[in-house]
């Protein structure tokens, strides 16, 4: 069993090593981080959504921004569209599950916000629908995806595609990138910046 555990850690490490060496992906992460910092200087917000484990990641990242990540500072506005069961069930019942995020974006999204859609496959229909709503409101769209990026990578303004076909490895890398974004946003907005 210990060898199996070590193999899982090795696979996670190898995926992160691939990201570490991918200059194009690193530049895209920098781009998203810079856009988020600019966004917070204009009193806008990040909005996140995903399904299943990706819903948990959306909530995790939003909580790091609203609460704190590395040090005490003013709250940073961020919203996960996965947390309001009344909205989710009402919209799902009245409009269908594919509209649970797009309908919320129509009501709460503002021009200048950033919407981050999270999906391991990159083909989540409700995120794709949310991208359509975001574009109508001039909200920048970011796809945090895996595998080949799916339809979300084609539709997003910026696609951060994890180079893996393994759902666990993709999810582990998504939260790594989420933490990096939170760290940079916090330091650039309220700290001494990032060197």
N, C-alpha and C. Protein backbone atom coordinates (compact mmCIF):
# COMPACT_ATOMS: atom_id res chain seq x y z
N UNK A 1 0.82 -1.20 0.00
CA UNK A 1 0.00 0.00 0.00
C UNK A 1 0.87 1.27 0.00
N UNK A 2 1.99 1.22 0.72
CA UNK A 2 2.86 2.39 0.75
C UNK A 2 3.37 2.73 -0.65
N UNK A 3 3.70 1.69 -1.42
CA UNK A 3 4.17 1.93 -2.80
C UNK A 3 3.08 2.55 -3.66
N UNK A 4 1.84 2.12 -3.45
CA UNK A 4 0.72 2.71 -4.19
C UNK A 4 0.57 4.19 -3.85
N UNK A 5 0.68 4.50 -2.58
CA UNK A 5 0.59 5.91 -2.14
C UNK A 5 1.71 6.72 -2.77
N UNK A 6 2.91 6.18 -2.76
CA UNK A 6 4.05 6.88 -3.37
C UNK A 6 3.83 7.10 -4.87
N UNK A 7 3.22 6.12 -5.53
CA UNK A 7 2.94 6.25 -6.96
C UNK A 7 1.94 7.36 -7.22
N UNK A 8 0.92 7.49 -6.37
CA UNK A 8 -0.06 8.58 -6.53
C UNK A 8 0.61 9.94 -6.35
N UNK A 9 1.48 10.04 -5.36
CA UNK A 9 2.22 11.30 -5.14
C UNK A 9 3.11 11.59 -6.35
N UNK A 10 3.76 10.56 -6.88
CA UNK A 10 4.62 10.73 -8.05
C UNK A 10 3.83 11.23 -9.26
N UNK A 11 2.65 10.66 -9.48
CA UNK A 11 1.83 11.08 -10.61
C UNK A 11 1.40 12.55 -10.46
N UNK A 12 1.06 12.95 -9.25
CA UNK A 12 0.69 14.34 -9.00
C UNK A 12 1.89 15.25 -9.26
N UNK A 13 3.04 14.84 -8.76
CA UNK A 13 4.28 15.61 -8.94
C UNK A 13 4.62 15.75 -10.42
N UNK A 14 4.48 14.67 -11.18
CA UNK A 14 4.81 14.70 -12.61
C UNK A 14 3.90 15.65 -13.38
N UNK A 15 2.62 15.69 -13.01
CA UNK A 15 1.70 16.63 -13.65
C UNK A 15 2.12 18.06 -13.36
N UNK A 16 2.48 18.32 -12.12
CA UNK A 16 2.92 19.68 -11.74
C UNK A 16 4.24 20.03 -12.40
N UNK A 17 5.12 19.05 -12.59
CA UNK A 17 6.38 19.29 -13.30
C UNK A 17 6.11 19.71 -14.75
N UNK A 18 5.11 19.08 -15.37
CA UNK A 18 4.74 19.43 -16.74
C UNK A 18 4.24 20.87 -16.80
N UNK A 19 3.42 21.26 -15.83
CA UNK A 19 2.94 22.65 -15.75
C UNK A 19 4.13 23.59 -15.55
N UNK A 20 5.02 23.22 -14.65
CA UNK A 20 6.20 24.03 -14.32
C UNK A 20 7.04 24.35 -15.56
N UNK A 21 7.10 23.41 -16.50
CA UNK A 21 7.92 23.57 -17.71
C UNK A 21 7.15 24.18 -18.89
N UNK A 22 5.85 24.37 -18.75
CA UNK A 22 5.01 24.84 -19.85
C UNK A 22 4.95 26.38 -19.83
N UNK A 23 5.86 27.00 -20.57
CA UNK A 23 5.97 28.47 -20.55
C UNK A 23 4.69 29.15 -21.03
N UNK A 24 4.04 28.58 -22.02
CA UNK A 24 2.80 29.18 -22.53
C UNK A 24 1.70 29.17 -21.45
N UNK A 25 1.55 28.06 -20.75
CA UNK A 25 0.56 27.97 -19.68
C UNK A 25 0.92 28.92 -18.54
N UNK A 26 2.20 29.00 -18.18
CA UNK A 26 2.63 29.92 -17.12
C UNK A 26 2.32 31.37 -17.48
N UNK A 27 2.52 31.73 -18.76
CA UNK A 27 2.21 33.10 -19.20
C UNK A 27 0.71 33.38 -19.09
N UNK A 28 -0.11 32.37 -19.38
CA UNK A 28 -1.56 32.54 -19.25
C UNK A 28 -1.97 32.71 -17.79
N UNK A 29 -1.31 31.99 -16.89
CA UNK A 29 -1.60 32.16 -15.45
C UNK A 29 -1.23 33.58 -15.02
N UNK A 30 -0.08 34.06 -15.49
CA UNK A 30 0.33 35.45 -15.21
C UNK A 30 -0.73 36.42 -15.73
N UNK A 31 -1.21 36.19 -16.94
CA UNK A 31 -2.22 37.05 -17.56
C UNK A 31 -3.50 37.10 -16.71
N UNK A 32 -3.97 35.92 -16.28
CA UNK A 32 -5.18 35.87 -15.45
C UNK A 32 -4.93 36.60 -14.13
N UNK A 33 -3.78 36.37 -13.51
CA UNK A 33 -3.46 37.03 -12.24
C UNK A 33 -3.46 38.54 -12.40
N UNK A 34 -2.83 39.04 -13.47
CA UNK A 34 -2.77 40.49 -13.70
C UNK A 34 -4.16 41.07 -13.95
N UNK A 35 -4.97 40.35 -14.70
CA UNK A 35 -6.33 40.83 -14.97
C UNK A 35 -7.16 40.86 -13.69
N UNK A 36 -6.95 39.88 -12.81
CA UNK A 36 -7.67 39.88 -11.53
C UNK A 36 -7.23 41.05 -10.66
N UNK A 37 -5.94 41.33 -10.63
CA UNK A 37 -5.44 42.46 -9.84
C UNK A 37 -6.04 43.76 -10.37
N UNK A 38 -6.03 43.94 -11.69
CA UNK A 38 -6.63 45.14 -12.29
C UNK A 38 -8.11 45.23 -11.95
N UNK A 39 -8.78 44.11 -12.00
CA UNK A 39 -10.21 44.04 -11.69
C UNK A 39 -10.49 44.56 -10.29
N UNK A 40 -9.69 44.11 -9.31
CA UNK A 40 -9.94 44.50 -7.93
C UNK A 40 -9.61 45.96 -7.67
N UNK A 41 -8.83 46.56 -8.53
CA UNK A 41 -8.54 48.00 -8.39
C UNK A 41 -9.70 48.85 -8.92
N UNK A 42 -10.68 48.20 -9.57
CA UNK A 42 -11.85 48.92 -10.09
C UNK A 42 -13.14 48.47 -9.40
N UNK A 43 -13.00 47.85 -8.21
CA UNK A 43 -14.16 47.44 -7.41
C UNK A 43 -15.08 46.46 -8.12
N UNK A 44 -14.52 45.60 -8.94
CA UNK A 44 -15.30 44.53 -9.56
C UNK A 44 -15.03 43.24 -8.81
N UNK A 45 -15.49 42.10 -9.34
CA UNK A 45 -15.37 40.85 -8.60
C UNK A 45 -15.06 39.68 -9.53
N UNK A 46 -14.55 38.62 -8.92
CA UNK A 46 -14.44 37.35 -9.62
C UNK A 46 -15.67 36.53 -9.27
N UNK A 47 -16.14 35.79 -10.25
CA UNK A 47 -17.28 34.89 -10.09
C UNK A 47 -16.80 33.52 -10.56
N UNK A 48 -17.08 32.48 -9.78
CA UNK A 48 -16.59 31.15 -10.13
C UNK A 48 -17.72 30.14 -10.10
N UNK A 49 -17.57 29.08 -10.89
CA UNK A 49 -18.56 28.00 -10.87
C UNK A 49 -17.93 26.73 -11.41
N UNK A 50 -18.50 25.61 -10.98
CA UNK A 50 -18.09 24.29 -11.45
C UNK A 50 -19.09 23.28 -10.93
N UNK A 51 -18.92 22.04 -11.29
CA UNK A 51 -19.81 20.95 -10.87
C UNK A 51 -19.01 19.94 -10.05
N UNK A 52 -19.64 19.37 -9.02
CA UNK A 52 -18.98 18.34 -8.21
C UNK A 52 -17.74 18.87 -7.52
N UNK A 53 -16.60 18.18 -7.74
CA UNK A 53 -15.35 18.63 -7.14
C UNK A 53 -14.96 20.02 -7.61
N UNK A 54 -15.32 20.36 -8.83
CA UNK A 54 -15.03 21.70 -9.35
C UNK A 54 -15.90 22.76 -8.67
N UNK A 55 -17.09 22.38 -8.21
CA UNK A 55 -17.92 23.30 -7.42
C UNK A 55 -17.21 23.58 -6.10
N UNK A 56 -16.65 22.54 -5.49
CA UNK A 56 -15.91 22.72 -4.24
C UNK A 56 -14.70 23.61 -4.46
N UNK A 57 -14.02 23.46 -5.60
CA UNK A 57 -12.87 24.31 -5.91
C UNK A 57 -13.30 25.76 -6.09
N UNK A 58 -14.44 25.98 -6.75
CA UNK A 58 -14.95 27.34 -6.93
C UNK A 58 -15.20 27.99 -5.58
N UNK A 59 -15.84 27.26 -4.68
CA UNK A 59 -16.13 27.77 -3.35
C UNK A 59 -14.84 28.01 -2.56
N UNK A 60 -13.90 27.10 -2.69
CA UNK A 60 -12.61 27.21 -1.98
C UNK A 60 -11.88 28.49 -2.39
N UNK A 61 -11.77 28.72 -3.69
CA UNK A 61 -11.05 29.90 -4.19
C UNK A 61 -11.77 31.19 -3.76
N UNK A 62 -13.10 31.21 -3.90
CA UNK A 62 -13.85 32.40 -3.48
C UNK A 62 -13.66 32.68 -1.99
N UNK A 63 -13.66 31.62 -1.18
CA UNK A 63 -13.50 31.79 0.26
C UNK A 63 -12.12 32.34 0.62
N UNK A 64 -11.08 31.90 -0.12
CA UNK A 64 -9.73 32.41 0.14
C UNK A 64 -9.67 33.92 -0.13
N UNK A 65 -10.41 34.38 -1.14
CA UNK A 65 -10.39 35.80 -1.48
C UNK A 65 -11.25 36.62 -0.53
N UNK A 66 -12.44 36.15 -0.23
CA UNK A 66 -13.33 36.90 0.66
C UNK A 66 -12.79 36.91 2.08
N UNK A 67 -12.28 35.78 2.54
CA UNK A 67 -11.73 35.69 3.89
C UNK A 67 -10.30 36.20 3.92
N UNK A 68 -9.37 35.29 3.81
CA UNK A 68 -7.94 35.63 3.74
C UNK A 68 -7.22 34.45 3.16
N UNK A 69 -6.09 34.71 2.54
CA UNK A 69 -5.26 33.62 2.04
C UNK A 69 -3.99 33.50 2.89
N UNK A 70 -3.13 34.50 2.82
CA UNK A 70 -1.86 34.41 3.54
C UNK A 70 -1.70 35.39 4.68
N UNK A 71 -2.48 36.46 4.67
CA UNK A 71 -2.37 37.45 5.74
C UNK A 71 -3.67 38.24 5.86
N UNK A 72 -3.83 38.90 7.00
CA UNK A 72 -5.04 39.70 7.24
C UNK A 72 -5.02 40.93 6.34
N UNK A 73 -6.15 41.19 5.71
CA UNK A 73 -6.31 42.35 4.82
C UNK A 73 -7.80 42.53 4.57
N UNK A 74 -8.22 43.62 3.93
CA UNK A 74 -9.65 43.78 3.62
C UNK A 74 -10.15 42.64 2.73
N UNK A 75 -11.42 42.37 2.82
CA UNK A 75 -12.04 41.32 2.02
C UNK A 75 -11.99 41.67 0.54
N UNK A 76 -11.76 40.65 -0.28
CA UNK A 76 -11.71 40.81 -1.73
C UNK A 76 -13.00 40.20 -2.30
N UNK A 77 -13.78 40.96 -3.09
CA UNK A 77 -15.07 40.45 -3.56
C UNK A 77 -14.94 39.29 -4.55
N UNK A 78 -15.52 38.17 -4.17
CA UNK A 78 -15.52 36.98 -5.00
C UNK A 78 -16.78 36.18 -4.68
N UNK A 79 -17.33 35.52 -5.68
CA UNK A 79 -18.61 34.85 -5.53
C UNK A 79 -18.59 33.50 -6.23
N UNK A 80 -18.98 32.44 -5.51
CA UNK A 80 -19.15 31.12 -6.12
C UNK A 80 -20.63 30.93 -6.39
N UNK A 81 -20.97 30.61 -7.62
CA UNK A 81 -22.37 30.44 -8.02
C UNK A 81 -22.93 29.07 -7.64
N UNK A 82 -22.19 28.33 -6.85
CA UNK A 82 -22.55 26.95 -6.52
C UNK A 82 -23.14 26.80 -5.12
N UNK A 83 -23.33 27.89 -4.41
CA UNK A 83 -23.63 27.79 -2.98
C UNK A 83 -25.08 28.05 -2.60
N UNK A 84 -25.84 28.70 -3.44
CA UNK A 84 -27.21 29.09 -3.08
C UNK A 84 -28.18 28.02 -3.58
N UNK A 85 -28.59 27.13 -2.67
CA UNK A 85 -29.45 26.02 -3.08
C UNK A 85 -30.81 26.47 -3.59
N UNK A 86 -31.31 27.57 -3.08
CA UNK A 86 -32.60 28.07 -3.58
C UNK A 86 -32.49 28.51 -5.03
N UNK A 87 -31.43 29.27 -5.34
CA UNK A 87 -31.19 29.66 -6.74
C UNK A 87 -30.97 28.44 -7.62
N UNK A 88 -30.10 27.55 -7.18
CA UNK A 88 -29.78 26.37 -8.01
C UNK A 88 -31.01 25.52 -8.30
N UNK A 89 -31.82 25.29 -7.27
CA UNK A 89 -32.98 24.42 -7.48
C UNK A 89 -34.11 25.13 -8.22
N UNK A 90 -34.30 26.41 -7.97
CA UNK A 90 -35.34 27.15 -8.68
C UNK A 90 -35.00 27.27 -10.17
N UNK A 91 -33.76 27.66 -10.45
CA UNK A 91 -33.35 27.80 -11.85
C UNK A 91 -33.34 26.44 -12.54
N UNK A 92 -32.80 25.42 -11.85
CA UNK A 92 -32.79 24.08 -12.42
C UNK A 92 -34.19 23.58 -12.73
N UNK A 93 -35.13 23.85 -11.82
CA UNK A 93 -36.51 23.42 -12.00
C UNK A 93 -37.21 24.19 -13.12
N UNK A 94 -37.01 25.51 -13.15
CA UNK A 94 -37.75 26.35 -14.09
C UNK A 94 -37.10 26.44 -15.48
N UNK A 95 -35.76 26.39 -15.53
CA UNK A 95 -35.06 26.61 -16.80
C UNK A 95 -34.21 25.42 -17.24
N UNK A 96 -33.93 24.50 -16.33
CA UNK A 96 -33.07 23.37 -16.64
C UNK A 96 -31.68 23.55 -16.05
N UNK A 97 -31.02 22.42 -15.77
CA UNK A 97 -29.71 22.46 -15.10
C UNK A 97 -28.66 23.20 -15.92
N UNK A 98 -28.79 23.20 -17.23
CA UNK A 98 -27.82 23.90 -18.07
C UNK A 98 -27.81 25.41 -17.84
N UNK A 99 -28.85 25.94 -17.18
CA UNK A 99 -28.95 27.38 -16.98
C UNK A 99 -28.66 27.83 -15.54
N UNK A 100 -28.24 26.89 -14.66
CA UNK A 100 -28.09 27.25 -13.24
C UNK A 100 -27.04 28.33 -12.99
N UNK A 101 -26.02 28.42 -13.84
CA UNK A 101 -25.00 29.45 -13.66
C UNK A 101 -25.25 30.66 -14.55
N UNK A 102 -25.72 30.44 -15.77
CA UNK A 102 -25.93 31.56 -16.69
C UNK A 102 -26.99 32.52 -16.16
N UNK A 103 -28.04 31.97 -15.58
CA UNK A 103 -29.12 32.81 -15.05
C UNK A 103 -28.61 33.66 -13.88
N UNK A 104 -27.78 33.07 -13.04
CA UNK A 104 -27.20 33.84 -11.92
C UNK A 104 -26.27 34.94 -12.44
N UNK A 105 -25.49 34.63 -13.47
CA UNK A 105 -24.60 35.64 -14.04
C UNK A 105 -25.40 36.80 -14.63
N UNK A 106 -26.52 36.48 -15.25
CA UNK A 106 -27.38 37.53 -15.81
C UNK A 106 -27.79 38.52 -14.72
N UNK A 107 -28.07 38.01 -13.54
CA UNK A 107 -28.54 38.87 -12.45
C UNK A 107 -27.44 39.52 -11.64
N UNK A 108 -26.33 38.82 -11.43
CA UNK A 108 -25.30 39.32 -10.51
C UNK A 108 -24.01 39.75 -11.18
N UNK A 109 -23.79 39.34 -12.41
CA UNK A 109 -22.57 39.72 -13.10
C UNK A 109 -22.64 41.15 -13.61
N UNK A 110 -21.49 41.81 -13.60
CA UNK A 110 -21.40 43.19 -14.10
C UNK A 110 -20.27 43.29 -15.11
N UNK A 111 -20.42 44.19 -16.04
CA UNK A 111 -19.34 44.44 -16.98
C UNK A 111 -18.06 44.72 -16.21
N UNK A 112 -16.97 44.09 -16.62
CA UNK A 112 -15.69 44.27 -15.94
C UNK A 112 -15.37 43.17 -14.94
N UNK A 113 -16.36 42.35 -14.57
CA UNK A 113 -16.10 41.21 -13.70
C UNK A 113 -15.31 40.15 -14.49
N UNK A 114 -14.81 39.13 -13.76
CA UNK A 114 -14.17 37.98 -14.39
C UNK A 114 -14.92 36.74 -13.95
N UNK A 115 -15.29 35.90 -14.91
CA UNK A 115 -15.95 34.63 -14.60
C UNK A 115 -14.97 33.50 -14.87
N UNK A 116 -14.72 32.68 -13.83
CA UNK A 116 -13.84 31.53 -13.95
C UNK A 116 -14.69 30.26 -13.90
N UNK A 117 -14.75 29.56 -15.02
CA UNK A 117 -15.48 28.30 -15.10
C UNK A 117 -14.50 27.14 -14.94
N UNK A 118 -14.83 26.22 -14.03
CA UNK A 118 -13.92 25.12 -13.70
C UNK A 118 -14.55 23.79 -14.13
N UNK A 119 -13.79 22.99 -14.87
CA UNK A 119 -14.29 21.69 -15.34
C UNK A 119 -13.11 20.82 -15.74
N UNK A 120 -13.09 19.58 -15.29
CA UNK A 120 -11.98 18.70 -15.69
C UNK A 120 -12.05 18.35 -17.17
N UNK A 121 -13.27 18.17 -17.69
CA UNK A 121 -13.43 17.79 -19.10
C UNK A 121 -13.40 18.98 -20.05
N UNK A 122 -13.83 20.13 -19.54
CA UNK A 122 -13.96 21.31 -20.40
C UNK A 122 -15.23 21.30 -21.23
N UNK A 123 -16.17 20.43 -20.89
CA UNK A 123 -17.39 20.32 -21.69
C UNK A 123 -18.67 20.48 -20.87
N UNK A 124 -18.59 21.08 -19.70
CA UNK A 124 -19.77 21.25 -18.85
C UNK A 124 -20.75 22.22 -19.50
N UNK A 125 -21.93 21.72 -19.83
CA UNK A 125 -22.91 22.54 -20.57
C UNK A 125 -23.34 23.77 -19.80
N UNK A 126 -23.46 23.65 -18.48
CA UNK A 126 -23.89 24.82 -17.71
C UNK A 126 -22.80 25.89 -17.63
N UNK A 127 -21.54 25.51 -17.71
CA UNK A 127 -20.46 26.49 -17.77
C UNK A 127 -20.41 27.13 -19.16
N UNK A 128 -20.58 26.33 -20.19
CA UNK A 128 -20.62 26.88 -21.55
C UNK A 128 -21.75 27.89 -21.70
N UNK A 129 -22.90 27.59 -21.14
CA UNK A 129 -24.02 28.53 -21.16
C UNK A 129 -23.68 29.80 -20.38
N UNK A 130 -22.98 29.64 -19.26
CA UNK A 130 -22.56 30.80 -18.47
C UNK A 130 -21.57 31.66 -19.24
N UNK A 131 -20.68 31.04 -20.02
CA UNK A 131 -19.76 31.81 -20.86
C UNK A 131 -20.53 32.68 -21.84
N UNK A 132 -21.62 32.16 -22.41
CA UNK A 132 -22.45 32.94 -23.32
C UNK A 132 -23.04 34.16 -22.61
N UNK A 133 -23.57 33.94 -21.42
CA UNK A 133 -24.15 35.06 -20.65
C UNK A 133 -23.09 36.08 -20.27
N UNK A 134 -21.90 35.59 -19.91
CA UNK A 134 -20.81 36.49 -19.54
C UNK A 134 -20.41 37.38 -20.71
N UNK A 135 -20.30 36.80 -21.88
CA UNK A 135 -19.88 37.58 -23.05
C UNK A 135 -20.89 38.68 -23.38
N UNK A 136 -22.18 38.40 -23.18
CA UNK A 136 -23.21 39.41 -23.42
C UNK A 136 -23.06 40.60 -22.48
N UNK A 137 -22.46 40.38 -21.31
CA UNK A 137 -22.30 41.44 -20.32
C UNK A 137 -20.87 41.98 -20.27
N UNK A 138 -20.04 41.61 -21.24
CA UNK A 138 -18.64 42.03 -21.27
C UNK A 138 -17.89 41.62 -20.00
N UNK A 139 -18.12 40.38 -19.59
CA UNK A 139 -17.40 39.77 -18.48
C UNK A 139 -16.34 38.86 -19.07
N UNK A 140 -15.08 39.05 -18.67
CA UNK A 140 -13.99 38.22 -19.15
C UNK A 140 -14.20 36.78 -18.68
N UNK A 141 -13.99 35.81 -19.56
CA UNK A 141 -14.17 34.41 -19.21
C UNK A 141 -12.84 33.66 -19.18
N UNK A 142 -12.67 32.88 -18.12
CA UNK A 142 -11.48 32.05 -17.95
C UNK A 142 -11.94 30.61 -17.79
N UNK A 143 -11.38 29.70 -18.57
CA UNK A 143 -11.65 28.27 -18.44
C UNK A 143 -10.49 27.64 -17.69
N UNK A 144 -10.79 27.01 -16.56
CA UNK A 144 -9.81 26.24 -15.81
C UNK A 144 -10.18 24.78 -16.03
N UNK A 145 -9.48 24.14 -16.96
CA UNK A 145 -9.90 22.84 -17.49
C UNK A 145 -8.73 21.86 -17.56
N UNK A 146 -9.01 20.66 -18.07
CA UNK A 146 -7.98 19.65 -18.26
C UNK A 146 -8.14 18.98 -19.60
N UNK A 147 -7.49 17.83 -19.76
CA UNK A 147 -7.54 17.03 -20.97
C UNK A 147 -7.16 17.87 -22.19
N UNK A 148 -8.02 17.97 -23.20
CA UNK A 148 -7.71 18.80 -24.37
C UNK A 148 -8.35 20.18 -24.27
N UNK A 149 -8.95 20.49 -23.13
CA UNK A 149 -9.60 21.78 -22.92
C UNK A 149 -11.07 21.78 -23.28
N UNK A 150 -11.50 20.83 -24.11
CA UNK A 150 -12.90 20.72 -24.47
C UNK A 150 -13.44 21.98 -25.13
N UNK A 151 -14.76 22.09 -25.15
CA UNK A 151 -15.43 23.24 -25.75
C UNK A 151 -15.19 24.52 -24.96
N UNK A 152 -14.99 24.39 -23.66
CA UNK A 152 -14.76 25.57 -22.84
C UNK A 152 -13.49 26.31 -23.25
N UNK A 153 -12.43 25.56 -23.56
CA UNK A 153 -11.17 26.20 -23.97
C UNK A 153 -11.35 26.99 -25.26
N UNK A 154 -12.22 26.50 -26.15
CA UNK A 154 -12.47 27.21 -27.40
C UNK A 154 -13.30 28.47 -27.18
N UNK A 155 -14.17 28.45 -26.19
CA UNK A 155 -15.12 29.54 -25.99
C UNK A 155 -14.59 30.62 -25.04
N UNK A 156 -13.67 30.26 -24.15
CA UNK A 156 -13.19 31.20 -23.13
C UNK A 156 -12.24 32.24 -23.73
N UNK A 157 -12.17 33.39 -23.06
CA UNK A 157 -11.18 34.39 -23.44
C UNK A 157 -9.77 33.89 -23.14
N UNK A 158 -9.61 33.21 -22.00
CA UNK A 158 -8.33 32.63 -21.60
C UNK A 158 -8.59 31.22 -21.11
N UNK A 159 -7.83 30.26 -21.62
CA UNK A 159 -7.99 28.86 -21.19
C UNK A 159 -6.72 28.39 -20.50
N UNK A 160 -6.86 27.94 -19.26
CA UNK A 160 -5.77 27.33 -18.51
C UNK A 160 -6.02 25.82 -18.54
N UNK A 161 -5.32 25.13 -19.42
CA UNK A 161 -5.55 23.71 -19.66
C UNK A 161 -4.47 22.89 -18.97
N UNK A 162 -4.88 22.08 -18.00
CA UNK A 162 -3.95 21.20 -17.29
C UNK A 162 -3.60 20.02 -18.21
N UNK A 163 -2.31 19.78 -18.43
CA UNK A 163 -1.90 18.73 -19.37
C UNK A 163 -1.99 17.33 -18.76
N UNK A 164 -3.22 16.86 -18.57
CA UNK A 164 -3.44 15.53 -18.00
C UNK A 164 -4.82 15.03 -18.42
N UNK A 165 -4.96 13.71 -18.48
CA UNK A 165 -6.26 13.09 -18.72
C UNK A 165 -6.86 12.52 -17.44
N UNK A 166 -6.15 12.64 -16.33
CA UNK A 166 -6.58 12.08 -15.05
C UNK A 166 -7.35 13.13 -14.25
N UNK A 167 -8.62 12.83 -13.94
CA UNK A 167 -9.44 13.78 -13.18
C UNK A 167 -8.79 14.18 -11.85
N UNK A 168 -8.28 13.24 -11.03
CA UNK A 168 -7.64 13.66 -9.78
C UNK A 168 -6.44 14.58 -10.00
N UNK A 169 -5.61 14.27 -11.01
CA UNK A 169 -4.43 15.12 -11.25
C UNK A 169 -4.86 16.50 -11.73
N UNK A 170 -5.90 16.58 -12.54
CA UNK A 170 -6.41 17.87 -13.02
C UNK A 170 -6.93 18.68 -11.84
N UNK A 171 -7.73 18.06 -10.98
CA UNK A 171 -8.29 18.77 -9.83
C UNK A 171 -7.20 19.26 -8.88
N UNK A 172 -6.18 18.42 -8.64
CA UNK A 172 -5.07 18.84 -7.78
C UNK A 172 -4.37 20.07 -8.37
N UNK A 173 -4.23 20.10 -9.67
CA UNK A 173 -3.57 21.21 -10.33
C UNK A 173 -4.47 22.45 -10.37
N UNK A 174 -5.77 22.25 -10.49
CA UNK A 174 -6.69 23.39 -10.45
C UNK A 174 -6.56 24.14 -9.13
N UNK A 175 -6.54 23.42 -8.02
CA UNK A 175 -6.47 24.12 -6.75
C UNK A 175 -5.09 24.74 -6.55
N UNK A 176 -4.05 24.13 -7.10
CA UNK A 176 -2.72 24.76 -7.07
C UNK A 176 -2.76 26.11 -7.77
N UNK A 177 -3.33 26.14 -8.98
CA UNK A 177 -3.43 27.40 -9.72
C UNK A 177 -4.33 28.38 -8.98
N UNK A 178 -5.43 27.90 -8.42
CA UNK A 178 -6.31 28.76 -7.61
C UNK A 178 -5.56 29.40 -6.46
N UNK A 179 -4.75 28.63 -5.77
CA UNK A 179 -3.96 29.17 -4.66
C UNK A 179 -2.93 30.18 -5.14
N UNK A 180 -2.29 29.90 -6.27
CA UNK A 180 -1.32 30.85 -6.82
C UNK A 180 -2.01 32.17 -7.16
N UNK A 181 -3.18 32.09 -7.79
CA UNK A 181 -3.92 33.32 -8.12
C UNK A 181 -4.28 34.09 -6.86
N UNK A 182 -4.80 33.41 -5.84
CA UNK A 182 -5.16 34.08 -4.58
C UNK A 182 -3.95 34.76 -3.96
N UNK A 183 -2.82 34.07 -3.96
CA UNK A 183 -1.59 34.60 -3.38
C UNK A 183 -1.15 35.87 -4.10
N UNK A 184 -1.12 35.81 -5.43
CA UNK A 184 -0.69 36.98 -6.21
C UNK A 184 -1.68 38.14 -6.03
N UNK A 185 -2.97 37.85 -6.13
CA UNK A 185 -3.98 38.90 -5.98
C UNK A 185 -3.84 39.59 -4.63
N UNK A 186 -3.70 38.81 -3.58
CA UNK A 186 -3.59 39.36 -2.23
C UNK A 186 -2.33 40.21 -2.08
N UNK A 187 -1.20 39.70 -2.52
CA UNK A 187 0.05 40.43 -2.37
C UNK A 187 0.11 41.68 -3.23
N UNK A 188 -0.40 41.59 -4.46
CA UNK A 188 -0.37 42.75 -5.35
C UNK A 188 -1.37 43.82 -4.92
N UNK A 189 -2.47 43.41 -4.32
CA UNK A 189 -3.51 44.37 -3.94
C UNK A 189 -3.25 44.99 -2.57
N UNK A 190 -2.76 44.17 -1.62
CA UNK A 190 -2.64 44.66 -0.24
C UNK A 190 -1.27 44.45 0.38
N UNK A 191 -0.35 43.83 -0.34
CA UNK A 191 0.97 43.56 0.24
C UNK A 191 2.06 44.31 -0.49
N UNK A 192 3.22 43.72 -0.51
CA UNK A 192 4.38 44.35 -1.16
C UNK A 192 4.58 43.88 -2.60
N UNK A 193 3.59 43.19 -3.12
CA UNK A 193 3.70 42.69 -4.50
C UNK A 193 4.44 41.38 -4.57
N UNK A 194 4.60 40.89 -5.79
CA UNK A 194 5.26 39.60 -6.04
C UNK A 194 6.51 39.87 -6.87
N UNK A 195 7.63 39.32 -6.46
CA UNK A 195 8.89 39.51 -7.21
C UNK A 195 9.04 38.47 -8.27
